[in-house]
Amino acid sequence: MTVNPTPQAQPDQADVTRLREDFLHFDSNRDGRLEYGEFARFLAVLRAGVTEQEQRLGFHEIDEDRDGTIDFAEFLDWWGDR
């Protein structure tokens, strides 16, 4: 999994709302962050077709502040690059 380096249009408010709902759905412990397992479940539901190694690499790439979790801002940045 790699993040597309080409800048994309910012998501509109409806997209942000939908993405926040998706994010919160997979944030099973309700701490406002996705841990690796939560992110892996998200990718499984999307049927992303990535290996576990690609999931881990992608997770660490998205986790820009290197705190071991993905917050909504990081998630939104990543999704906007898709």
N, C-alpha and C. Protein backbone atom coordinates (compact mmCIF):
# COMPACT_ATOMS: atom_id res chain seq x y z
N MET A 1 0.86 -1.16 0.00
CA MET A 1 0.00 0.00 0.00
C MET A 1 0.90 1.22 0.00
N THR A 2 0.65 2.11 -0.94
CA THR A 2 1.39 3.37 -0.96
C THR A 2 0.42 4.50 -1.10
N VAL A 3 0.76 5.61 -0.52
CA VAL A 3 -0.06 6.80 -0.62
C VAL A 3 0.32 7.51 -1.91
N ASN A 4 -0.67 7.90 -2.68
CA ASN A 4 -0.45 8.60 -3.94
C ASN A 4 0.13 9.98 -3.65
N PRO A 5 1.32 10.31 -4.16
CA PRO A 5 1.92 11.61 -3.87
C PRO A 5 1.30 12.77 -4.63
N THR A 6 0.46 12.49 -5.59
CA THR A 6 -0.17 13.56 -6.38
C THR A 6 -1.27 14.21 -5.56
N PRO A 7 -1.25 15.53 -5.41
CA PRO A 7 -2.30 16.20 -4.63
C PRO A 7 -3.67 15.99 -5.26
N GLN A 8 -4.64 15.73 -4.44
CA GLN A 8 -6.02 15.53 -4.88
C GLN A 8 -6.88 16.66 -4.33
N ALA A 9 -8.06 16.80 -4.89
CA ALA A 9 -9.01 17.78 -4.37
C ALA A 9 -9.39 17.40 -2.95
N GLN A 10 -9.58 18.40 -2.11
CA GLN A 10 -10.00 18.15 -0.74
C GLN A 10 -11.41 17.58 -0.74
N PRO A 11 -11.69 16.63 0.16
CA PRO A 11 -13.04 16.08 0.23
C PRO A 11 -14.03 17.16 0.67
N ASP A 12 -15.24 17.08 0.12
CA ASP A 12 -16.25 18.05 0.55
C ASP A 12 -16.83 17.63 1.90
N GLN A 13 -17.68 18.46 2.47
CA GLN A 13 -18.19 18.20 3.82
C GLN A 13 -18.94 16.88 3.91
N ALA A 14 -19.69 16.52 2.87
CA ALA A 14 -20.41 15.24 2.89
C ALA A 14 -19.42 14.08 2.96
N ASP A 15 -18.32 14.18 2.21
CA ASP A 15 -17.30 13.14 2.24
C ASP A 15 -16.66 13.06 3.62
N VAL A 16 -16.35 14.22 4.21
CA VAL A 16 -15.73 14.24 5.53
C VAL A 16 -16.66 13.61 6.56
N THR A 17 -17.95 13.92 6.48
CA THR A 17 -18.92 13.34 7.41
C THR A 17 -18.98 11.83 7.26
N ARG A 18 -19.02 11.34 6.02
CA ARG A 18 -19.07 9.90 5.76
C ARG A 18 -17.79 9.23 6.25
N LEU A 19 -16.65 9.86 5.99
CA LEU A 19 -15.38 9.28 6.43
C LEU A 19 -15.27 9.26 7.95
N ARG A 20 -15.78 10.31 8.61
CA ARG A 20 -15.76 10.32 10.09
C ARG A 20 -16.63 9.19 10.63
N GLU A 21 -17.79 8.97 10.02
CA GLU A 21 -18.65 7.86 10.45
C GLU A 21 -17.95 6.52 10.27
N ASP A 22 -17.29 6.34 9.13
CA ASP A 22 -16.54 5.10 8.89
C ASP A 22 -15.42 4.95 9.92
N PHE A 23 -14.69 6.03 10.14
CA PHE A 23 -13.59 6.02 11.11
C PHE A 23 -14.10 5.61 12.49
N LEU A 24 -15.18 6.24 12.92
CA LEU A 24 -15.73 5.94 14.25
C LEU A 24 -16.26 4.52 14.34
N HIS A 25 -16.79 4.00 13.24
CA HIS A 25 -17.29 2.63 13.22
C HIS A 25 -16.16 1.64 13.52
N PHE A 26 -14.99 1.88 12.98
CA PHE A 26 -13.87 0.97 13.18
C PHE A 26 -13.04 1.28 14.41
N ASP A 27 -13.29 2.41 15.04
CA ASP A 27 -12.61 2.77 16.29
C ASP A 27 -13.34 2.05 17.43
N SER A 28 -13.10 0.75 17.54
CA SER A 28 -13.90 -0.08 18.44
C SER A 28 -13.72 0.26 19.92
N ASN A 29 -12.58 0.80 20.31
CA ASN A 29 -12.42 1.16 21.72
C ASN A 29 -12.76 2.63 21.99
N ARG A 30 -13.21 3.32 20.97
CA ARG A 30 -13.72 4.70 21.07
C ARG A 30 -12.72 5.68 21.66
N ASP A 31 -11.45 5.53 21.29
CA ASP A 31 -10.44 6.45 21.81
C ASP A 31 -10.08 7.54 20.81
N GLY A 32 -10.78 7.57 19.66
CA GLY A 32 -10.53 8.61 18.66
C GLY A 32 -9.33 8.31 17.78
N ARG A 33 -8.84 7.09 17.84
CA ARG A 33 -7.67 6.69 17.04
C ARG A 33 -7.86 5.25 16.57
N LEU A 34 -7.28 4.94 15.43
CA LEU A 34 -7.29 3.56 14.95
C LEU A 34 -5.97 2.92 15.30
N GLU A 35 -6.05 1.84 16.04
CA GLU A 35 -4.88 1.02 16.29
C GLU A 35 -4.72 0.09 15.10
N TYR A 36 -3.61 -0.62 15.03
CA TYR A 36 -3.35 -1.46 13.87
C TYR A 36 -4.49 -2.45 13.60
N GLY A 37 -4.97 -3.14 14.61
CA GLY A 37 -6.04 -4.13 14.41
C GLY A 37 -7.31 -3.51 13.87
N GLU A 38 -7.64 -2.33 14.34
CA GLU A 38 -8.83 -1.62 13.85
C GLU A 38 -8.65 -1.23 12.39
N PHE A 39 -7.46 -0.76 12.05
CA PHE A 39 -7.15 -0.40 10.67
C PHE A 39 -7.19 -1.63 9.77
N ALA A 40 -6.65 -2.75 10.25
CA ALA A 40 -6.66 -3.98 9.47
C ALA A 40 -8.10 -4.44 9.20
N ARG A 41 -8.99 -4.31 10.18
CA ARG A 41 -10.40 -4.67 9.97
C ARG A 41 -11.04 -3.75 8.93
N PHE A 42 -10.69 -2.47 8.97
CA PHE A 42 -11.19 -1.52 7.99
C PHE A 42 -10.79 -1.96 6.58
N LEU A 43 -9.52 -2.31 6.40
CA LEU A 43 -9.05 -2.74 5.08
C LEU A 43 -9.71 -4.04 4.66
N ALA A 44 -9.97 -4.94 5.60
CA ALA A 44 -10.63 -6.21 5.28
C ALA A 44 -12.04 -5.96 4.77
N VAL A 45 -12.76 -5.05 5.41
CA VAL A 45 -14.12 -4.72 4.97
C VAL A 45 -14.10 -4.09 3.59
N LEU A 46 -13.09 -3.26 3.33
CA LEU A 46 -12.94 -2.66 2.01
C LEU A 46 -12.53 -3.67 0.95
N ARG A 47 -12.10 -4.84 1.42
CA ARG A 47 -11.56 -5.86 0.51
C ARG A 47 -10.41 -5.27 -0.31
N ALA A 48 -9.51 -4.65 0.42
CA ALA A 48 -8.40 -3.94 -0.21
C ALA A 48 -7.43 -4.88 -0.91
N GLY A 49 -7.43 -6.15 -0.52
CA GLY A 49 -6.57 -7.12 -1.18
C GLY A 49 -5.09 -6.87 -0.97
N VAL A 50 -4.73 -6.44 0.24
CA VAL A 50 -3.33 -6.20 0.56
C VAL A 50 -2.85 -7.26 1.54
N THR A 51 -1.58 -7.54 1.49
CA THR A 51 -1.00 -8.51 2.42
C THR A 51 -0.86 -7.88 3.80
N GLU A 52 -0.61 -8.72 4.79
CA GLU A 52 -0.40 -8.19 6.13
C GLU A 52 0.81 -7.26 6.16
N GLN A 53 1.85 -7.61 5.44
CA GLN A 53 3.04 -6.75 5.38
C GLN A 53 2.67 -5.39 4.78
N GLU A 54 1.86 -5.37 3.71
CA GLU A 54 1.44 -4.11 3.11
C GLU A 54 0.56 -3.31 4.08
N GLN A 55 -0.28 -4.02 4.84
CA GLN A 55 -1.10 -3.33 5.85
C GLN A 55 -0.22 -2.64 6.87
N ARG A 56 0.77 -3.36 7.37
CA ARG A 56 1.66 -2.79 8.39
C ARG A 56 2.46 -1.61 7.84
N LEU A 57 2.98 -1.76 6.63
CA LEU A 57 3.72 -0.66 6.02
C LEU A 57 2.82 0.55 5.82
N GLY A 58 1.61 0.31 5.32
CA GLY A 58 0.65 1.39 5.11
C GLY A 58 0.28 2.07 6.41
N PHE A 59 0.03 1.27 7.45
CA PHE A 59 -0.32 1.82 8.75
C PHE A 59 0.78 2.76 9.25
N HIS A 60 2.01 2.32 9.15
CA HIS A 60 3.12 3.15 9.63
C HIS A 60 3.33 4.38 8.76
N GLU A 61 3.02 4.27 7.49
CA GLU A 61 3.12 5.43 6.60
C GLU A 61 2.05 6.47 6.93
N ILE A 62 0.86 6.02 7.23
CA ILE A 62 -0.26 6.92 7.55
C ILE A 62 -0.05 7.57 8.91
N ASP A 63 0.53 6.84 9.85
CA ASP A 63 0.78 7.34 11.21
C ASP A 63 1.91 8.37 11.18
N GLU A 64 1.59 9.55 10.73
CA GLU A 64 2.60 10.60 10.51
C GLU A 64 3.31 11.04 11.79
N ASP A 65 2.60 11.06 12.91
CA ASP A 65 3.24 11.52 14.16
C ASP A 65 3.92 10.38 14.92
N ARG A 66 3.88 9.19 14.36
CA ARG A 66 4.57 8.01 14.89
C ARG A 66 4.19 7.68 16.33
N ASP A 67 2.89 7.84 16.65
CA ASP A 67 2.45 7.51 18.00
C ASP A 67 1.84 6.10 18.08
N GLY A 68 1.88 5.35 16.98
CA GLY A 68 1.37 3.98 16.98
C GLY A 68 -0.12 3.88 16.71
N THR A 69 -0.75 4.99 16.36
CA THR A 69 -2.17 5.01 16.03
C THR A 69 -2.39 5.98 14.87
N ILE A 70 -3.58 5.86 14.28
CA ILE A 70 -3.97 6.78 13.21
C ILE A 70 -5.13 7.62 13.75
N ASP A 71 -4.92 8.93 13.84
CA ASP A 71 -6.02 9.80 14.26
C ASP A 71 -6.83 10.21 13.03
N PHE A 72 -7.94 10.88 13.25
CA PHE A 72 -8.82 11.19 12.12
C PHE A 72 -8.15 12.10 11.10
N ALA A 73 -7.35 13.05 11.54
CA ALA A 73 -6.67 13.94 10.59
C ALA A 73 -5.73 13.14 9.68
N GLU A 74 -4.99 12.20 10.25
CA GLU A 74 -4.11 11.35 9.44
C GLU A 74 -4.93 10.49 8.48
N PHE A 75 -6.01 9.94 8.99
CA PHE A 75 -6.90 9.11 8.17
C PHE A 75 -7.46 9.92 7.01
N LEU A 76 -7.91 11.12 7.29
CA LEU A 76 -8.48 11.99 6.25
C LEU A 76 -7.43 12.38 5.21
N ASP A 77 -6.23 12.70 5.65
CA ASP A 77 -5.15 13.00 4.72
C ASP A 77 -4.87 11.81 3.81
N TRP A 78 -4.80 10.64 4.40
CA TRP A 78 -4.54 9.41 3.62
C TRP A 78 -5.68 9.18 2.62
N TRP A 79 -6.91 9.28 3.10
CA TRP A 79 -8.05 8.99 2.23
C TRP A 79 -8.10 10.01 1.09
N GLY A 80 -7.77 11.26 1.36
CA GLY A 80 -7.76 12.28 0.32
C GLY A 80 -6.73 12.01 -0.76
N ASP A 81 -5.70 11.27 -0.40
CA ASP A 81 -4.66 10.91 -1.36
C ASP A 81 -5.04 9.70 -2.21
N ARG A 82 -6.12 9.04 -1.86
CA ARG A 82 -6.53 7.83 -2.57
C ARG A 82 -7.07 8.15 -3.93
